Amino acid sequence: MMTIEDVCRLAPVVPVLVIDDAETAVPLAQALVAGGLRALEITLRTPVALDAIRRVADAVPEAVVGVGTLMNADDVRASVAAGARFGVSPGFSARILDAADEAGLPMLPGVATPSEAMAAAERGMSVLKFFPAEANGGVPVLRAWASPLAGLHFCPTGGINAATAPDYLALPNVICVGGSWVAPERAVVQGDWDTVTRLAAEAGALG
């Protein structure tokens, strides 16, 4: 089983995907994998999210499909049943982490403060999501955390794009970034998978 660090080190960018039409899930995943991005976070923000996870898990074995926006223990169990191989939550929740431990799901919990990061470290976690990155101070905050929170690594997510991602990735305590720019809504709706693959390849080259 992959650890969350293994997942985050697959590529410098983890696509954060909001899928409205389950029919687009497989070709979208294939396009992202073709561009070199294997770890895919499908968020539980739409009614078809679990179906999308199931389809990708079944049809795109090269992808490491994960689930985002986990809000409770039931989300964890349903996502694991659908085939999710890692989980991401917007915040730090002991109940969600307990459910993930029970299900054997590697987790990337969200933190926004040093106190939350320390609480995660007390649970033995060393790779965390910094969310929402831009709204919470972005690069300067993570740079300031590097020394007092030595040993912790972050996947900043929220408001990051192709222009700002390199600034985050240059930080010693950033392991990867999460972003949606690699799968523009227009390209997905139009089935423009070549554009998605190109954006994924450009993102993969940032590391």
C-alpha atoms as a PDB file:
ATOM      1  CA  MET A   1       0.000   0.000   0.000  1.00  0.00           C
ATOM      2  CA  MET A   2       1.239   3.483  -0.858  1.00  0.00           C
ATOM      3  CA  THR A   3       1.736   6.004   1.902  1.00  0.00           C
ATOM      4  CA  ILE A   4       0.448   9.537   1.482  1.00  0.00           C
ATOM      5  CA  GLU A   5       4.051  10.634   0.968  1.00  0.00           C
ATOM      6  CA  ASP A   6       4.388   8.107  -1.864  1.00  0.00           C
ATOM      7  CA  VAL A   7       1.255   9.556  -3.469  1.00  0.00           C
ATOM      8  CA  CYS A   8       2.440  13.150  -3.139  1.00  0.00           C
ATOM      9  CA  ARG A   9       5.825  12.348  -4.641  1.00  0.00           C
ATOM     10  CA  LEU A  10       4.341  10.878  -7.828  1.00  0.00           C
ATOM     11  CA  ALA A  11       4.300  14.338  -9.442  1.00  0.00           C
ATOM     12  CA  PRO A  12       4.675  17.976  -8.386  1.00  0.00           C
ATOM     13  CA  VAL A  13       0.968  18.652  -9.009  1.00  0.00           C
ATOM     14  CA  VAL A  14      -2.084  16.721  -7.822  1.00  0.00           C
ATOM     15  CA  PRO A  15      -5.111  17.605  -9.962  1.00  0.00           C
ATOM     16  CA  VAL A  16      -8.154  18.599  -7.885  1.00  0.00           C
ATOM     17  CA  LEU A  17     -11.142  17.500  -9.936  1.00  0.00           C
ATOM     18  CA  VAL A  18     -14.808  18.458  -9.675  1.00  0.00           C
ATOM     19  CA  ILE A  19     -16.633  16.082 -12.003  1.00  0.00           C
ATOM     20  CA  ASP A  20     -20.196  16.911 -13.020  1.00  0.00           C
ATOM     21  CA  ASP A  21     -20.619  14.205 -15.672  1.00  0.00           C
ATOM     22  CA  ALA A  22     -19.411  10.711 -14.782  1.00  0.00           C
ATOM     23  CA  GLU A  23     -18.953   9.966 -18.481  1.00  0.00           C
ATOM     24  CA  THR A  24     -15.992  12.369 -18.543  1.00  0.00           C
ATOM     25  CA  ALA A  25     -14.199  10.729 -15.613  1.00  0.00           C
ATOM     26  CA  VAL A  26     -12.320   8.014 -17.495  1.00  0.00           C
ATOM     27  CA  PRO A  27     -11.131  10.079 -20.493  1.00  0.00           C
ATOM     28  CA  LEU A  28     -10.168  12.901 -18.126  1.00  0.00           C
ATOM     29  CA  ALA A  29      -8.122  10.537 -15.982  1.00  0.00           C
ATOM     30  CA  GLN A  30      -6.509   9.019 -19.062  1.00  0.00           C
ATOM     31  CA  ALA A  31      -5.558  12.463 -20.361  1.00  0.00           C
ATOM     32  CA  LEU A  32      -4.009  13.476 -17.040  1.00  0.00           C
ATOM     33  CA  VAL A  33      -2.076  10.217 -16.735  1.00  0.00           C
ATOM     34  CA  ALA A  34      -0.865  10.609 -20.316  1.00  0.00           C
ATOM     35  CA  GLY A  35       0.577  13.967 -19.267  1.00  0.00           C
ATOM     36  CA  GLY A  36       2.380  12.399 -16.321  1.00  0.00           C
ATOM     37  CA  LEU A  37      -0.009  13.155 -13.440  1.00  0.00           C
ATOM     38  CA  ARG A  38      -1.029   9.868 -11.828  1.00  0.00           C
ATOM     39  CA  ALA A  39      -2.354  10.963  -8.427  1.00  0.00           C
ATOM     40  CA  LEU A  40      -5.856  12.342  -8.996  1.00  0.00           C
ATOM     41  CA  GLU A  41      -8.110  13.865  -6.343  1.00  0.00           C
ATOM     42  CA  ILE A  42     -11.802  13.566  -7.243  1.00  0.00           C
ATOM     43  CA  THR A  43     -13.743  15.771  -4.855  1.00  0.00           C
ATOM     44  CA  LEU A  44     -17.048  14.812  -3.260  1.00  0.00           C
ATOM     45  CA  ARG A  45     -18.667  18.035  -4.428  1.00  0.00           C
ATOM     46  CA  THR A  46     -21.049  16.548  -6.989  1.00  0.00           C
ATOM     47  CA  PRO A  47     -23.619  13.722  -6.919  1.00  0.00           C
ATOM     48  CA  VAL A  48     -21.583  11.668  -9.406  1.00  0.00           C
ATOM     49  CA  ALA A  49     -18.272  11.824  -7.533  1.00  0.00           C
ATOM     50  CA  LEU A  50     -18.354   8.293  -6.117  1.00  0.00           C
ATOM     51  CA  ASP A  51     -19.388   6.898  -9.490  1.00  0.00           C
ATOM     52  CA  ALA A  52     -16.508   8.807 -11.086  1.00  0.00           C
ATOM     53  CA  ILE A  53     -14.043   7.355  -8.569  1.00  0.00           C
ATOM     54  CA  ARG A  54     -15.361   3.849  -9.246  1.00  0.00           C
ATOM     55  CA  ARG A  55     -15.058   4.260 -12.999  1.00  0.00           C
ATOM     56  CA  VAL A  56     -11.511   5.577 -12.848  1.00  0.00           C
ATOM     57  CA  ALA A  57     -10.424   2.897 -10.374  1.00  0.00           C
ATOM     58  CA  ASP A  58     -11.813   0.207 -12.679  1.00  0.00           C
ATOM     59  CA  ALA A  59     -10.744   1.565 -16.067  1.00  0.00           C
ATOM     60  CA  VAL A  60      -7.507   3.486 -15.484  1.00  0.00           C
ATOM     61  CA  PRO A  61      -5.175   1.267 -13.440  1.00  0.00           C
ATOM     62  CA  GLU A  62      -2.243   3.625 -14.047  1.00  0.00           C
ATOM     63  CA  ALA A  63      -4.041   6.316 -12.049  1.00  0.00           C
ATOM     64  CA  VAL A  64      -3.869   6.524  -8.273  1.00  0.00           C
ATOM     65  CA  VAL A  65      -7.360   7.808  -7.674  1.00  0.00           C
ATOM     66  CA  GLY A  66      -8.097   9.608  -4.445  1.00  0.00           C
ATOM     67  CA  VAL A  67     -11.063  11.326  -2.907  1.00  0.00           C
ATOM     68  CA  GLY A  68     -11.279  14.921  -1.749  1.00  0.00           C
ATOM     69  CA  THR A  69     -13.610  16.945   0.433  1.00  0.00           C
ATOM     70  CA  LEU A  70     -14.039  14.132   2.967  1.00  0.00           C
ATOM     71  CA  MET A  71     -16.333  15.540   5.623  1.00  0.00           C
ATOM     72  CA  ASN A  72     -17.224  12.559   7.831  1.00  0.00           C
ATOM     73  CA  ALA A  73     -16.589   8.882   8.484  1.00  0.00           C
ATOM     74  CA  ASP A  74     -19.372   7.781   6.124  1.00  0.00           C
ATOM     75  CA  ASP A  75     -17.610   9.617   3.284  1.00  0.00           C
ATOM     76  CA  VAL A  76     -14.454   7.664   4.055  1.00  0.00           C
ATOM     77  CA  ARG A  77     -16.188   4.285   3.991  1.00  0.00           C
ATOM     78  CA  ALA A  78     -18.122   5.042   0.806  1.00  0.00           C
ATOM     79  CA  SER A  79     -15.012   6.294  -0.956  1.00  0.00           C
ATOM     80  CA  VAL A  80     -12.957   3.252  -0.040  1.00  0.00           C
ATOM     81  CA  ALA A  81     -15.776   1.026  -1.294  1.00  0.00           C
ATOM     82  CA  ALA A  82     -15.692   2.953  -4.586  1.00  0.00           C
ATOM     83  CA  GLY A  83     -11.966   2.338  -4.991  1.00  0.00           C
ATOM     84  CA  ALA A  84     -10.283   5.447  -3.576  1.00  0.00           C
ATOM     85  CA  ARG A  85      -6.627   4.872  -2.689  1.00  0.00           C
ATOM     86  CA  PHE A  86      -6.024   8.041  -0.692  1.00  0.00           C
ATOM     87  CA  GLY A  87      -8.151  10.667   1.004  1.00  0.00           C
ATOM     88  CA  VAL A  88      -8.039  14.435   1.370  1.00  0.00           C
ATOM     89  CA  SER A  89     -10.060  16.552   3.792  1.00  0.00           C
ATOM     90  CA  PRO A  90     -10.390  20.344   3.966  1.00  0.00           C
ATOM     91  CA  GLY A  91      -9.655  20.345   7.693  1.00  0.00           C
ATOM     92  CA  PHE A  92      -8.271  18.301  10.563  1.00  0.00           C
ATOM     93  CA  SER A  93     -10.846  15.888  12.013  1.00  0.00           C
ATOM     94  CA  ALA A  94      -9.967  13.124  14.463  1.00  0.00           C
ATOM     95  CA  ARG A  95     -13.103  11.185  13.521  1.00  0.00           C
ATOM     96  CA  ILE A  96     -12.251  11.225   9.838  1.00  0.00           C
ATOM     97  CA  LEU A  97      -8.665  10.178  10.571  1.00  0.00           C
ATOM     98  CA  ASP A  98      -9.886   7.365  12.827  1.00  0.00           C
ATOM     99  CA  ALA A  99     -12.210   6.111  10.083  1.00  0.00           C
ATOM    100  CA  ALA A 100      -9.389   6.324   7.538  1.00  0.00           C
ATOM    101  CA  ASP A 101      -7.054   4.374   9.820  1.00  0.00           C
ATOM    102  CA  GLU A 102      -9.708   1.707  10.249  1.00  0.00           C
ATOM    103  CA  ALA A 103     -10.245   1.499   6.486  1.00  0.00           C
ATOM    104  CA  GLY A 104      -6.540   1.593   5.648  1.00  0.00           C
ATOM    105  CA  LEU A 105      -6.904   4.809   3.656  1.00  0.00           C
ATOM    106  CA  PRO A 106      -3.811   7.075   3.537  1.00  0.00           C
ATOM    107  CA  MET A 107      -4.913  10.593   4.453  1.00  0.00           C
ATOM    108  CA  LEU A 108      -3.909  14.147   3.619  1.00  0.00           C
ATOM    109  CA  PRO A 109      -5.772  16.272   6.179  1.00  0.00           C
ATOM    110  CA  GLY A 110      -6.095  19.999   5.760  1.00  0.00           C
ATOM    111  CA  VAL A 111      -4.471  22.408   8.197  1.00  0.00           C
ATOM    112  CA  ALA A 112      -4.431  26.193   8.310  1.00  0.00           C
ATOM    113  CA  THR A 113      -2.624  26.933  11.582  1.00  0.00           C
ATOM    114  CA  PRO A 114       0.501  25.778  13.431  1.00  0.00           C
ATOM    115  CA  SER A 115      -1.717  24.295  16.153  1.00  0.00           C
ATOM    116  CA  GLU A 116      -3.485  22.059  13.639  1.00  0.00           C
ATOM    117  CA  ALA A 117      -0.177  21.048  12.099  1.00  0.00           C
ATOM    118  CA  MET A 118       1.165  20.155  15.554  1.00  0.00           C
ATOM    119  CA  ALA A 119      -1.958  18.103  16.321  1.00  0.00           C
ATOM    120  CA  ALA A 120      -1.423  16.169  13.106  1.00  0.00           C
ATOM    121  CA  ALA A 121       2.227  15.625  13.968  1.00  0.00           C
ATOM    122  CA  GLU A 122       1.181  14.228  17.348  1.00  0.00           C
ATOM    123  CA  ARG A 123      -0.780  11.578  15.417  1.00  0.00           C
ATOM    124  CA  GLY A 124       2.384  10.643  13.570  1.00  0.00           C
ATOM    125  CA  MET A 125       1.527  12.476  10.357  1.00  0.00           C
ATOM    126  CA  SER A 126       4.254  14.304   8.456  1.00  0.00           C
ATOM    127  CA  VAL A 127       2.577  15.262   5.159  1.00  0.00           C
ATOM    128  CA  LEU A 128      -0.352  17.683   5.367  1.00  0.00           C
ATOM    129  CA  LYS A 129      -2.542  19.785   3.105  1.00  0.00           C
ATOM    130  CA  PHE A 130      -2.232  23.550   3.620  1.00  0.00           C
ATOM    131  CA  PHE A 131      -5.675  24.902   2.779  1.00  0.00           C
ATOM    132  CA  PRO A 132      -6.844  27.299   1.506  1.00  0.00           C
ATOM    133  CA  ALA A 133      -3.306  28.213   0.590  1.00  0.00           C
ATOM    134  CA  GLU A 134      -3.627  31.614  -1.031  1.00  0.00           C
ATOM    135  CA  ALA A 135      -6.312  32.856   1.363  1.00  0.00           C
ATOM    136  CA  ASN A 136      -4.186  31.799   4.344  1.00  0.00           C
ATOM    137  CA  GLY A 137      -1.088  33.726   3.338  1.00  0.00           C
ATOM    138  CA  GLY A 138       0.434  31.381   0.792  1.00  0.00           C
ATOM    139  CA  VAL A 139       4.182  31.167   0.253  1.00  0.00           C
ATOM    140  CA  PRO A 140       5.240  33.548   3.065  1.00  0.00           C
ATOM    141  CA  VAL A 141       3.342  31.519   5.668  1.00  0.00           C
ATOM    142  CA  LEU A 142       4.797  28.192   4.574  1.00  0.00           C
ATOM    143  CA  ARG A 143       8.256  29.740   4.469  1.00  0.00           C
ATOM    144  CA  ALA A 144       7.775  30.969   8.040  1.00  0.00           C
ATOM    145  CA  TRP A 145       6.620  27.506   9.147  1.00  0.00           C
ATOM    146  CA  ALA A 146       9.669  25.706   7.715  1.00  0.00           C
ATOM    147  CA  SER A 147      11.917  26.129  10.750  1.00  0.00           C
ATOM    148  CA  PRO A 148       9.535  25.838  13.745  1.00  0.00           C
ATOM    149  CA  LEU A 149       7.591  22.997  12.083  1.00  0.00           C
ATOM    150  CA  ALA A 150      10.666  21.201  10.802  1.00  0.00           C
ATOM    151  CA  GLY A 151       9.938  17.678   9.668  1.00  0.00           C
ATOM    152  CA  LEU A 152       6.503  18.508   8.272  1.00  0.00           C
ATOM    153  CA  HIS A 153       5.828  18.715   4.557  1.00  0.00           C
ATOM    154  CA  PHE A 154       2.841  20.306   2.873  1.00  0.00           C
ATOM    155  CA  CYS A 155       0.679  20.062  -0.204  1.00  0.00           C
ATOM    156  CA  PRO A 156      -0.716  23.599  -0.497  1.00  0.00           C
ATOM    157  CA  THR A 157      -4.066  23.752  -2.270  1.00  0.00           C
ATOM    158  CA  GLY A 158      -6.524  26.539  -2.948  1.00  0.00           C
ATOM    159  CA  GLY A 159      -6.071  29.395  -5.381  1.00  0.00           C
ATOM    160  CA  ILE A 160      -2.827  28.051  -6.856  1.00  0.00           C
ATOM    161  CA  ASN A 161      -2.291  28.211 -10.615  1.00  0.00           C
ATOM    162  CA  ALA A 162       0.431  27.525 -13.166  1.00  0.00           C
ATOM    163  CA  ALA A 163       2.030  30.921 -12.509  1.00  0.00           C
ATOM    164  CA  THR A 164       2.228  30.621  -8.720  1.00  0.00           C
ATOM    165  CA  ALA A 165       2.883  26.884  -8.367  1.00  0.00           C
ATOM    166  CA  PRO A 166       6.668  27.210  -8.924  1.00  0.00           C
ATOM    167  CA  ASP A 167       6.957  29.620  -5.970  1.00  0.00           C
ATOM    168  CA  TYR A 168       5.385  27.017  -3.687  1.00  0.00           C
ATOM    169  CA  LEU A 169       7.383  24.129  -5.110  1.00  0.00           C
ATOM    170  CA  ALA A 170      10.617  26.007  -4.469  1.00  0.00           C
ATOM    171  CA  LEU A 171       9.983  25.860  -0.712  1.00  0.00           C
ATOM    172  CA  PRO A 172      11.836  23.102   1.151  1.00  0.00           C
ATOM    173  CA  ASN A 173       8.729  22.050   3.088  1.00  0.00           C
ATOM    174  CA  VAL A 174       6.429  21.746   0.050  1.00  0.00           C
ATOM    175  CA  ILE A 175       6.187  18.242  -1.397  1.00  0.00           C
ATOM    176  CA  CYS A 176       3.644  19.023  -4.138  1.00  0.00           C
ATOM    177  CA  VAL A 177       0.722  21.360  -4.829  1.00  0.00           C
ATOM    178  CA  GLY A 178      -2.931  20.718  -5.547  1.00  0.00           C
ATOM    179  CA  GLY A 179      -4.660  22.551  -8.351  1.00  0.00           C
ATOM    180  CA  SER A 180      -7.555  22.509 -10.766  1.00  0.00           C
ATOM    181  CA  TRP A 181      -5.956  24.467 -13.601  1.00  0.00           C
ATOM    182  CA  VAL A 182      -4.779  21.277 -15.316  1.00  0.00           C
ATOM    183  CA  ALA A 183      -8.384  20.311 -16.050  1.00  0.00           C
ATOM    184  CA  PRO A 184     -10.195  23.475 -17.214  1.00  0.00           C
ATOM    185  CA  GLU A 185     -13.969  23.162 -17.159  1.00  0.00           C
ATOM    186  CA  ARG A 186     -14.282  24.204 -20.790  1.00  0.00           C
ATOM    187  CA  ALA A 187     -11.783  21.588 -21.972  1.00  0.00           C
ATOM    188  CA  VAL A 188     -13.544  18.862 -19.992  1.00  0.00           C
ATOM    189  CA  VAL A 189     -17.006  19.801 -21.253  1.00  0.00           C
ATOM    190  CA  GLN A 190     -15.761  19.918 -24.844  1.00  0.00           C
ATOM    191  CA  GLY A 191     -13.772  16.713 -24.514  1.00  0.00           C
ATOM    192  CA  ASP A 192     -10.581  18.523 -25.415  1.00  0.00           C
ATOM    193  CA  TRP A 193      -8.321  15.906 -23.900  1.00  0.00           C
ATOM    194  CA  ASP A 194      -5.254  17.059 -25.829  1.00  0.00           C
ATOM    195  CA  THR A 195      -5.366  20.340 -23.932  1.00  0.00           C
ATOM    196  CA  VAL A 196      -5.664  18.507 -20.625  1.00  0.00           C
ATOM    197  CA  THR A 197      -2.705  16.281 -21.466  1.00  0.00           C
ATOM    198  CA  ARG A 198      -0.630  19.309 -22.481  1.00  0.00           C
ATOM    199  CA  LEU A 199      -1.440  21.157 -19.256  1.00  0.00           C
ATOM    200  CA  ALA A 200      -0.669  18.035 -17.237  1.00  0.00           C
ATOM    201  CA  ALA A 201       2.702  17.646 -18.936  1.00  0.00           C
ATOM    202  CA  GLU A 202       3.534  21.282 -18.253  1.00  0.00           C
ATOM    203  CA  ALA A 203       2.553  20.827 -14.617  1.00  0.00           C
ATOM    204  CA  GLY A 204       4.613  17.674 -14.335  1.00  0.00           C
ATOM    205  CA  ALA A 205       7.663  19.554 -15.572  1.00  0.00           C
ATOM    206  CA  LEU A 206       7.452  22.021 -12.670  1.00  0.00           C
ATOM    207  CA  GLY A 207       9.046  19.620 -10.226  1.00  0.00           C
END
